[in-house]
Amino acid sequence: MFCKYCGNELPEGANFCSRCGGDQNAPMQSAAAPQGSSINFDDVKENVQKVFNTITGDNTKNVITFRELFSEIFKKHSKEDQDALMVSGTGAAGLPQYREWRKPWLFSRVLLVLGACFFILYLCWTLFQQTAGNIIPGLIFIGSMAIPFSLMLFFWETNKPRNISLFDVAKVFFVGGALSLLLTFVLQPLFDGILSWGVGGSIVLALVIGISEETAKALTAGLFLRQLRSGYILNGLLIGAAVGAGFAVFETAGYAMRMSSMEQAIQILFVRGGLSVGGHVVWTAIAGAALMAMRRPGHPLRLGDIGNSRFFMLYAVPVLLHALWDFFCFEVWNESLQYVLLGLLIVAAWVFIVKLINRGFKEEAAISAAMAAQAAAADLSSAGEQTPPPEQPQA
């Protein structure tokens, strides 16, 4: 038996629905109209959660929350804690004292360092404008770099397998960021024909930008991910974030350099820097996770791994987020409303990020458990071969 108002399953003979309160015996025309027309926010939340679960491919409960991911920021950490992080991805990472994974915190210290550097350079320019012109490129680059680079380090700390070194991440940041820009310039003309039709206006323009830039960054991330002999979803998040961070830094620095005054350049740095928490870094991190989620477990990434609907469903997320972002920037002239809409896109992006981090944690735990079981079985087999057979009793 089901409720005739909301479809909730009911026990046979029930007179009222336990969800919406509808009277099952009343005529349909007059039955509890106000109750049936009210919004059940629990149902809305559940349906939204189902959408996120379906797209990310993870229907299980999260093992770590957004708050827990950032819970170590304000705690005191020793030099030993820092050293334990710095050996990630190196030969020393396998030593017992360096194996334990800890929640991210170092990225916040790096942000403070880069912020202090930016403030000092900004002070130099403010106090000595006539003679401090040489510090302008450094001011723009550090201002463009502070938040994207620090956010990239958050994903490096989140990489629980700890199989990618800081040097490798920096390499992807610089080379991958530049290469993704080059690929964007190559791909962009392919869509000029669509734009020349004059159909759709700014929404089509925003979608074209989203497809071309996210495709360029995803291809770049894929080139680096293919070098991993065996990878994890968390690796995809990290490499994608590194490519996106490099792209964001170079793009923001370019926008700042094109401004007609230093005041406008500083404003660009602050606005784009603040909004970068939900921009290129997290968009490309999602794309990188999509690439690694589709590969065969225990095998390197191959081109054939992405030829399925599950990949394109997750890959469409950064494309749509990027397109909506640009559309709001093009069309919404009310600054307050624009920031509200962009804030909603940032929240949506981070919901996907947290879901993918949780999926990555579960994958890493499953792989570690399987490897431990194989090692234990190998030890038992080796011990069985080394144990001499029992002596036969003499007659």
Protein backbone atom coordinates (compact mmCIF):
# COMPACT_ATOMS: atom_id res chain seq x y z
CA MET A 1 0.00 0.00 0.00
CA PHE A 2 1.31 3.43 -0.94
CA CYS A 3 0.26 6.96 0.05
CA LYS A 4 -1.87 8.49 -2.71
CA TYR A 5 -0.33 11.94 -2.06
CA CYS A 6 3.44 11.41 -1.73
CA GLY A 7 3.95 7.75 -2.73
CA ASN A 8 5.37 6.69 0.67
CA GLU A 9 5.04 2.95 1.36
CA LEU A 10 2.50 2.27 4.13
CA PRO A 11 1.37 -0.81 6.04
CA GLU A 12 -1.90 -2.32 4.85
CA GLY A 13 -4.95 -0.62 6.37
CA ALA A 14 -3.12 2.58 7.40
CA ASN A 15 -5.42 5.59 7.65
CA PHE A 16 -2.75 8.32 7.60
CA CYS A 17 0.63 8.65 5.91
CA SER A 18 3.59 8.71 8.30
CA ARG A 19 5.48 11.09 5.97
CA CYS A 20 2.98 13.71 4.75
CA GLY A 21 0.07 13.03 7.10
CA GLY A 22 -2.42 12.62 4.25
CA ASP A 23 -5.77 10.99 5.08
CA GLN A 24 -5.93 7.85 2.98
CA ASN A 25 -9.70 7.55 3.40
CA ALA A 26 -10.58 11.11 2.35
CA PRO A 27 -11.52 11.95 -1.24
CA MET A 28 -8.53 13.00 -3.35
CA GLN A 29 -9.96 16.45 -4.03
CA SER A 30 -10.28 17.45 -0.41
CA ALA A 31 -7.58 15.49 1.31
CA ALA A 32 -4.95 17.46 3.21
CA ALA A 33 -4.09 19.77 0.35
CA PRO A 34 -1.83 22.02 2.43
CA GLN A 35 0.15 19.03 3.67
CA GLY A 36 0.60 17.60 0.21
CA SER A 37 1.76 20.93 -1.19
CA SER A 38 4.39 21.59 1.48
CA ILE A 39 8.05 20.94 0.75
CA ASN A 40 9.63 18.02 2.56
CA PHE A 41 13.24 19.19 2.95
CA ASP A 42 14.38 15.74 4.07
CA ASP A 43 13.21 14.35 0.74
CA VAL A 44 14.92 17.18 -1.14
CA LYS A 45 18.19 16.55 0.73
CA GLU A 46 17.93 12.82 0.10
CA ASN A 47 17.32 13.29 -3.63
CA VAL A 48 20.21 15.75 -3.96
CA GLN A 49 22.45 13.30 -2.11
CA LYS A 50 21.41 10.56 -4.52
CA VAL A 51 22.44 12.76 -7.46
CA PHE A 52 25.89 13.39 -5.96
CA ASN A 53 26.27 9.69 -5.12
CA THR A 54 25.31 8.62 -8.63
CA ILE A 55 27.71 11.02 -10.34
CA THR A 56 30.67 10.25 -8.04
CA GLY A 57 29.96 6.51 -8.02
CA ASP A 58 29.97 6.27 -4.22
CA ASN A 59 26.71 5.34 -2.48
CA THR A 60 28.25 4.60 0.91
CA LYS A 61 28.57 6.81 3.96
CA ASN A 62 31.46 9.28 4.13
CA VAL A 63 34.40 8.27 6.29
CA ILE A 64 35.60 11.86 6.75
CA THR A 65 33.68 15.11 6.69
CA PHE A 66 34.57 18.56 5.38
CA ARG A 67 35.07 19.82 8.94
CA GLU A 68 37.37 16.92 9.81
CA LEU A 69 39.50 17.55 6.72
CA PHE A 70 40.32 21.03 8.00
CA SER A 71 40.38 20.22 11.72
CA GLU A 72 44.20 20.33 12.04
CA ILE A 73 44.70 23.86 10.73
CA PHE A 74 44.63 25.66 14.07
CA LYS A 75 46.54 23.00 16.01
CA LYS A 76 50.21 23.30 16.82
CA HIS A 77 52.55 21.09 14.82
CA SER A 78 56.21 20.30 15.40
CA LYS A 79 59.18 20.30 13.06
CA GLU A 80 58.96 16.49 13.10
CA ASP A 81 55.40 16.69 11.76
CA GLN A 82 56.62 18.85 8.90
CA ASP A 83 59.52 16.50 8.16
CA ALA A 84 57.13 13.54 8.09
CA LEU A 85 55.15 15.27 5.35
CA MET A 86 58.15 16.32 3.30
CA VAL A 87 59.31 12.74 2.71
CA SER A 88 56.00 11.83 1.03
CA GLY A 89 56.63 10.10 -2.27
CA THR A 90 60.30 9.41 -1.46
CA GLY A 91 62.06 6.24 -0.35
CA ALA A 92 61.91 7.34 3.29
CA ALA A 93 58.09 7.40 3.22
CA GLY A 94 58.03 3.65 3.83
CA LEU A 95 59.79 3.91 7.18
CA PRO A 96 57.54 3.17 10.18
CA GLN A 97 57.79 6.67 11.67
CA TYR A 98 56.61 8.23 8.41
CA ARG A 99 53.77 5.89 7.41
CA GLU A 100 50.92 7.44 9.36
CA TRP A 101 48.65 9.75 7.37
CA ARG A 102 47.55 12.95 9.09
CA LYS A 103 44.85 15.44 8.23
CA PRO A 104 46.01 18.41 6.10
CA TRP A 105 47.53 21.42 7.87
CA LEU A 106 50.80 22.40 6.16
CA PHE A 107 48.98 24.12 3.29
CA SER A 108 47.65 26.74 5.72
CA ARG A 109 51.21 27.60 6.85
CA VAL A 110 52.30 27.94 3.23
CA LEU A 111 49.36 30.27 2.65
CA LEU A 112 50.51 32.41 5.56
CA VAL A 113 54.06 32.55 4.19
CA LEU A 114 52.90 33.54 0.70
CA GLY A 115 50.46 36.02 2.20
CA ALA A 116 53.24 37.62 4.23
CA CYS A 117 55.42 37.82 1.12
CA PHE A 118 52.60 39.48 -0.82
CA PHE A 119 51.98 41.96 2.00
CA ILE A 120 55.66 42.97 2.13
CA LEU A 121 55.81 43.47 -1.64
CA TYR A 122 52.54 45.40 -1.57
CA LEU A 123 53.97 47.59 1.21
CA CYS A 124 57.06 48.27 -0.91
CA TRP A 125 54.93 49.37 -3.83
CA THR A 126 52.62 51.48 -1.63
CA LEU A 127 55.41 53.34 0.16
CA PHE A 128 57.95 53.63 -2.67
CA GLN A 129 55.95 53.72 -5.89
CA GLN A 130 58.43 55.97 -7.66
CA THR A 131 61.40 53.65 -7.16
CA ALA A 132 59.78 50.23 -6.56
CA GLY A 133 58.57 49.46 -10.08
CA ASN A 134 60.77 46.36 -10.29
CA ILE A 135 58.73 44.58 -7.62
CA ILE A 136 55.48 44.71 -9.63
CA PRO A 137 56.00 41.37 -11.49
CA GLY A 138 56.81 39.64 -8.21
CA LEU A 139 53.82 41.23 -6.52
CA ILE A 140 51.51 40.02 -9.29
CA PHE A 141 52.95 36.49 -9.39
CA ILE A 142 52.88 35.97 -5.60
CA GLY A 143 49.37 37.45 -5.45
CA SER A 144 48.23 35.08 -8.20
CA MET A 145 49.98 32.10 -6.62
CA ALA A 146 49.13 32.34 -2.92
CA ILE A 147 45.74 30.61 -2.76
CA PRO A 148 45.91 28.23 -5.77
CA PHE A 149 49.35 26.91 -4.77
CA SER A 150 48.31 26.48 -1.13
CA LEU A 151 45.12 24.71 -2.20
CA MET A 152 47.18 22.39 -4.37
CA LEU A 153 49.22 21.48 -1.27
CA PHE A 154 45.96 20.63 0.51
CA PHE A 155 45.38 17.92 -2.10
CA TRP A 156 49.00 16.80 -1.74
CA GLU A 157 48.47 16.34 1.99
CA THR A 158 45.14 14.61 1.33
CA ASN A 159 46.88 12.06 -0.92
CA LYS A 160 46.75 9.25 1.62
CA PRO A 161 48.88 6.74 -0.38
CA ARG A 162 51.74 9.30 -0.18
CA ASN A 163 53.19 8.03 -3.44
CA ILE A 164 53.83 11.40 -5.15
CA SER A 165 56.67 13.64 -4.00
CA LEU A 166 56.53 17.39 -3.57
CA PHE A 167 59.03 17.81 -6.42
CA ASP A 168 56.73 15.87 -8.77
CA VAL A 169 53.78 18.03 -7.72
CA ALA A 170 55.78 21.21 -8.36
CA LYS A 171 56.74 19.86 -11.78
CA VAL A 172 53.10 19.30 -12.68
CA PHE A 173 52.22 22.74 -11.29
CA PHE A 174 54.64 24.61 -13.56
CA VAL A 175 54.87 22.40 -16.65
CA GLY A 176 51.28 21.18 -16.50
CA GLY A 177 49.93 24.68 -15.97
CA ALA A 178 51.83 25.99 -18.99
CA LEU A 179 50.97 22.98 -21.16
CA SER A 180 47.25 23.25 -20.35
CA LEU A 181 47.33 26.88 -21.49
CA LEU A 182 49.00 25.83 -24.75
CA LEU A 183 46.35 23.15 -25.35
CA THR A 184 43.63 25.69 -24.62
CA PHE A 185 44.96 27.96 -27.37
CA VAL A 186 45.04 24.94 -29.69
CA LEU A 187 41.49 23.82 -28.89
CA GLN A 188 39.84 27.24 -28.75
CA PRO A 189 39.83 27.83 -32.56
CA LEU A 190 37.99 24.53 -33.04
CA PHE A 191 34.94 26.12 -31.44
CA ASP A 192 35.09 29.42 -33.33
CA GLY A 193 32.68 28.01 -35.89
CA ILE A 194 30.03 27.45 -33.20
CA LEU A 195 30.46 30.97 -31.87
CA SER A 196 30.19 32.41 -35.39
CA TRP A 197 26.65 31.06 -35.66
CA GLY A 198 25.55 33.68 -33.17
CA VAL A 199 23.18 31.19 -31.49
CA GLY A 200 22.68 31.10 -27.75
CA GLY A 201 24.62 34.24 -26.91
CA SER A 202 26.68 34.28 -23.73
CA ILE A 203 25.48 30.87 -22.51
CA VAL A 204 26.99 29.21 -25.59
CA LEU A 205 30.17 31.27 -25.17
CA ALA A 206 30.42 30.19 -21.54
CA LEU A 207 29.87 26.55 -22.47
CA VAL A 208 32.50 26.70 -25.20
CA ILE A 209 35.02 28.18 -22.77
CA GLY A 210 34.17 25.53 -20.19
CA ILE A 211 34.57 22.66 -22.65
CA SER A 212 37.80 23.92 -24.23
CA GLU A 213 39.60 24.86 -21.01
CA GLU A 214 38.48 21.83 -18.99
CA THR A 215 39.33 19.50 -21.87
CA ALA A 216 42.80 21.03 -22.17
CA LYS A 217 43.44 20.67 -18.44
CA ALA A 218 42.03 17.13 -18.34
CA LEU A 219 44.25 16.05 -21.24
CA THR A 220 47.27 17.53 -19.47
CA ALA A 221 46.40 15.79 -16.21
CA GLY A 222 45.96 12.53 -18.14
CA LEU A 223 49.46 12.81 -19.60
CA PHE A 224 50.96 12.98 -16.11
CA LEU A 225 48.62 10.35 -14.64
CA ARG A 226 49.62 7.86 -17.35
CA GLN A 227 53.15 7.91 -15.92
CA LEU A 228 51.91 6.30 -12.70
CA ARG A 229 52.39 2.56 -12.85
CA SER A 230 49.46 2.06 -10.51
CA GLY A 231 47.45 4.95 -9.19
CA TYR A 232 44.57 5.95 -6.97
CA ILE A 233 41.60 8.28 -7.22
CA LEU A 234 43.41 10.48 -4.69
CA ASN A 235 46.31 10.71 -7.16
CA GLY A 236 43.88 11.96 -9.79
CA LEU A 237 42.60 14.64 -7.43
CA LEU A 238 46.18 15.75 -6.69
CA ILE A 239 47.50 15.82 -10.26
CA GLY A 240 44.35 17.52 -11.48
CA ALA A 241 44.62 20.13 -8.73
CA ALA A 242 48.28 20.77 -9.62
CA VAL A 243 47.44 21.34 -13.30
CA GLY A 244 44.48 23.56 -12.38
CA ALA A 245 46.58 25.55 -9.91
CA GLY A 246 49.25 26.26 -12.51
CA PHE A 247 46.60 27.27 -15.04
CA ALA A 248 44.90 29.57 -12.51
CA VAL A 249 48.15 31.28 -11.50
CA PHE A 250 49.27 32.01 -15.06
CA GLU A 251 45.79 33.17 -16.10
CA THR A 252 45.31 35.47 -13.12
CA ALA A 253 48.78 36.97 -13.54
CA GLY A 254 47.93 37.63 -17.18
CA TYR A 255 44.68 39.40 -16.28
CA ALA A 256 46.49 41.52 -13.70
CA MET A 257 49.24 42.52 -16.14
CA ARG A 258 46.64 43.69 -18.67
CA MET A 259 45.03 46.15 -16.27
CA SER A 260 45.53 49.85 -17.00
CA SER A 261 46.54 50.68 -13.43
CA MET A 262 48.16 48.95 -10.49
CA GLU A 263 45.05 49.57 -8.38
CA GLN A 264 42.98 47.56 -10.84
CA ALA A 265 45.62 44.84 -10.93
CA ILE A 266 45.55 44.54 -7.13
CA GLN A 267 41.76 44.32 -7.21
CA ILE A 268 41.96 41.51 -9.79
CA LEU A 269 44.42 39.65 -7.56
CA PHE A 270 42.17 39.88 -4.53
CA VAL A 271 38.94 38.97 -6.34
CA ARG A 272 40.31 36.11 -8.44
CA GLY A 273 42.49 34.91 -5.56
CA GLY A 274 39.55 34.69 -3.17
CA LEU A 275 37.31 32.99 -5.73
CA SER A 276 40.03 30.50 -6.72
CA VAL A 277 39.00 28.25 -3.80
CA GLY A 278 36.19 27.05 -6.07
CA GLY A 279 37.72 27.58 -9.49
CA HIS A 280 40.31 25.91 -11.71
CA VAL A 281 42.03 23.97 -8.91
CA VAL A 282 38.94 22.06 -7.77
CA TRP A 283 37.46 21.79 -11.27
CA THR A 284 40.53 20.03 -12.65
CA ALA A 285 40.84 17.96 -9.46
CA ILE A 286 37.38 16.54 -10.22
CA ALA A 287 38.43 15.83 -13.82
CA GLY A 288 41.60 14.09 -12.60
CA ALA A 289 39.57 11.96 -10.21
CA ALA A 290 37.23 11.05 -13.07
CA LEU A 291 40.22 9.79 -15.09
CA MET A 292 41.56 7.62 -12.27
CA ALA A 293 38.15 6.33 -11.23
CA MET A 294 37.64 4.75 -14.66
CA ARG A 295 40.94 2.88 -14.94
CA ARG A 296 41.30 -0.82 -14.22
CA PRO A 297 42.49 -1.38 -10.61
CA GLY A 298 46.21 -2.09 -10.43
CA HIS A 299 46.84 -0.90 -14.00
CA PRO A 300 48.10 2.41 -15.39
CA LEU A 301 45.65 4.80 -17.02
CA ARG A 302 44.90 4.02 -20.67
CA LEU A 303 42.99 5.92 -23.34
CA GLY A 304 40.36 3.19 -23.55
CA ASP A 305 39.49 3.63 -19.87
CA ILE A 306 37.63 6.87 -20.51
CA GLY A 307 35.30 5.59 -23.24
CA ASN A 308 32.25 5.09 -21.01
CA SER A 309 29.30 7.10 -19.78
CA ARG A 310 30.43 7.05 -16.13
CA PHE A 311 33.55 9.03 -16.99
CA PHE A 312 31.70 11.61 -19.07
CA MET A 313 29.05 12.02 -16.37
CA LEU A 314 31.72 12.99 -13.81
CA TYR A 315 33.80 14.93 -16.35
CA ALA A 316 30.69 17.00 -17.18
CA VAL A 317 30.70 18.37 -13.61
CA PRO A 318 33.74 20.70 -13.99
CA VAL A 319 32.61 21.66 -17.49
CA LEU A 320 29.16 22.73 -16.27
CA LEU A 321 30.54 24.42 -13.15
CA HIS A 322 32.98 26.38 -15.31
CA ALA A 323 30.31 27.30 -17.86
CA LEU A 324 27.86 28.48 -15.20
CA TRP A 325 30.66 30.43 -13.51
CA ASP A 326 31.47 32.33 -16.70
CA PHE A 327 27.79 32.81 -17.54
CA PHE A 328 27.15 34.43 -14.15
CA CYS A 329 30.19 36.67 -14.69
CA PHE A 330 28.95 37.64 -18.16
CA GLU A 331 25.27 38.19 -17.44
CA VAL A 332 24.76 38.99 -13.73
CA TRP A 333 25.51 42.68 -13.27
CA ASN A 334 24.34 42.89 -9.66
CA GLU A 335 27.60 42.33 -7.79
CA SER A 336 25.96 40.99 -4.62
CA LEU A 337 23.84 38.48 -6.55
CA GLN A 338 26.84 37.49 -8.61
CA TYR A 339 28.89 36.62 -5.53
CA VAL A 340 25.95 34.65 -4.08
CA LEU A 341 25.65 32.57 -7.26
CA LEU A 342 29.40 32.02 -7.48
CA GLY A 343 29.37 31.03 -3.79
CA LEU A 344 26.75 28.36 -4.55
CA LEU A 345 28.96 26.99 -7.32
CA ILE A 346 31.90 26.87 -4.90
CA VAL A 347 29.81 24.91 -2.38
CA ALA A 348 28.66 22.48 -5.08
CA ALA A 349 32.25 21.93 -6.25
CA TRP A 350 33.42 21.16 -2.73
CA VAL A 351 30.58 18.72 -2.15
CA PHE A 352 31.92 16.77 -5.11
CA ILE A 353 35.49 17.12 -3.83
CA VAL A 354 34.62 15.75 -0.37
CA LYS A 355 32.67 12.85 -1.94
CA LEU A 356 35.61 12.00 -4.20
CA ILE A 357 38.10 12.24 -1.32
CA ASN A 358 35.95 9.79 0.62
CA ARG A 359 35.75 7.47 -2.35
CA GLY A 360 39.53 7.72 -2.65
CA PHE A 361 40.00 6.89 1.03
CA LYS A 362 37.81 3.80 0.69
CA GLU A 363 39.67 2.70 -2.42
CA GLU A 364 43.04 3.16 -0.68
CA ALA A 365 41.84 1.20 2.36
CA ALA A 366 40.59 -1.66 0.16
CA ILE A 367 43.86 -1.82 -1.80
CA SER A 368 45.92 -1.70 1.42
CA ALA A 369 43.83 -4.50 2.93
CA ALA A 370 44.24 -6.63 -0.20
CA MET A 371 48.01 -6.04 -0.24
CA ALA A 372 48.25 -6.92 3.47
CA ALA A 373 46.27 -10.12 2.87
CA GLN A 374 48.56 -11.07 -0.02
CA ALA A 375 51.64 -10.40 2.10
CA ALA A 376 50.24 -12.48 4.94
CA ALA A 377 49.44 -15.34 2.57
CA ALA A 378 52.94 -15.15 1.12
CA ASP A 379 54.46 -15.25 4.62
CA LEU A 380 52.39 -18.31 5.53
CA SER A 381 53.38 -20.03 2.31
CA SER A 382 57.04 -19.23 2.90
CA ALA A 383 56.84 -20.42 6.49
CA GLY A 384 55.21 -23.67 5.35
CA GLU A 385 58.00 -24.35 2.89
CA GLN A 386 60.71 -23.73 5.50
CA THR A 387 59.16 -25.95 8.21
CA PRO A 388 60.58 -29.50 8.02
CA PRO A 389 58.04 -32.33 7.86
CA PRO A 390 57.32 -34.07 11.18
CA GLU A 391 59.41 -37.18 11.94
CA GLN A 392 57.67 -40.49 11.44
CA PRO A 393 57.48 -42.63 14.58
CA GLN A 394 59.67 -45.70 14.43
CA ALA A 395 58.06 -49.14 14.59
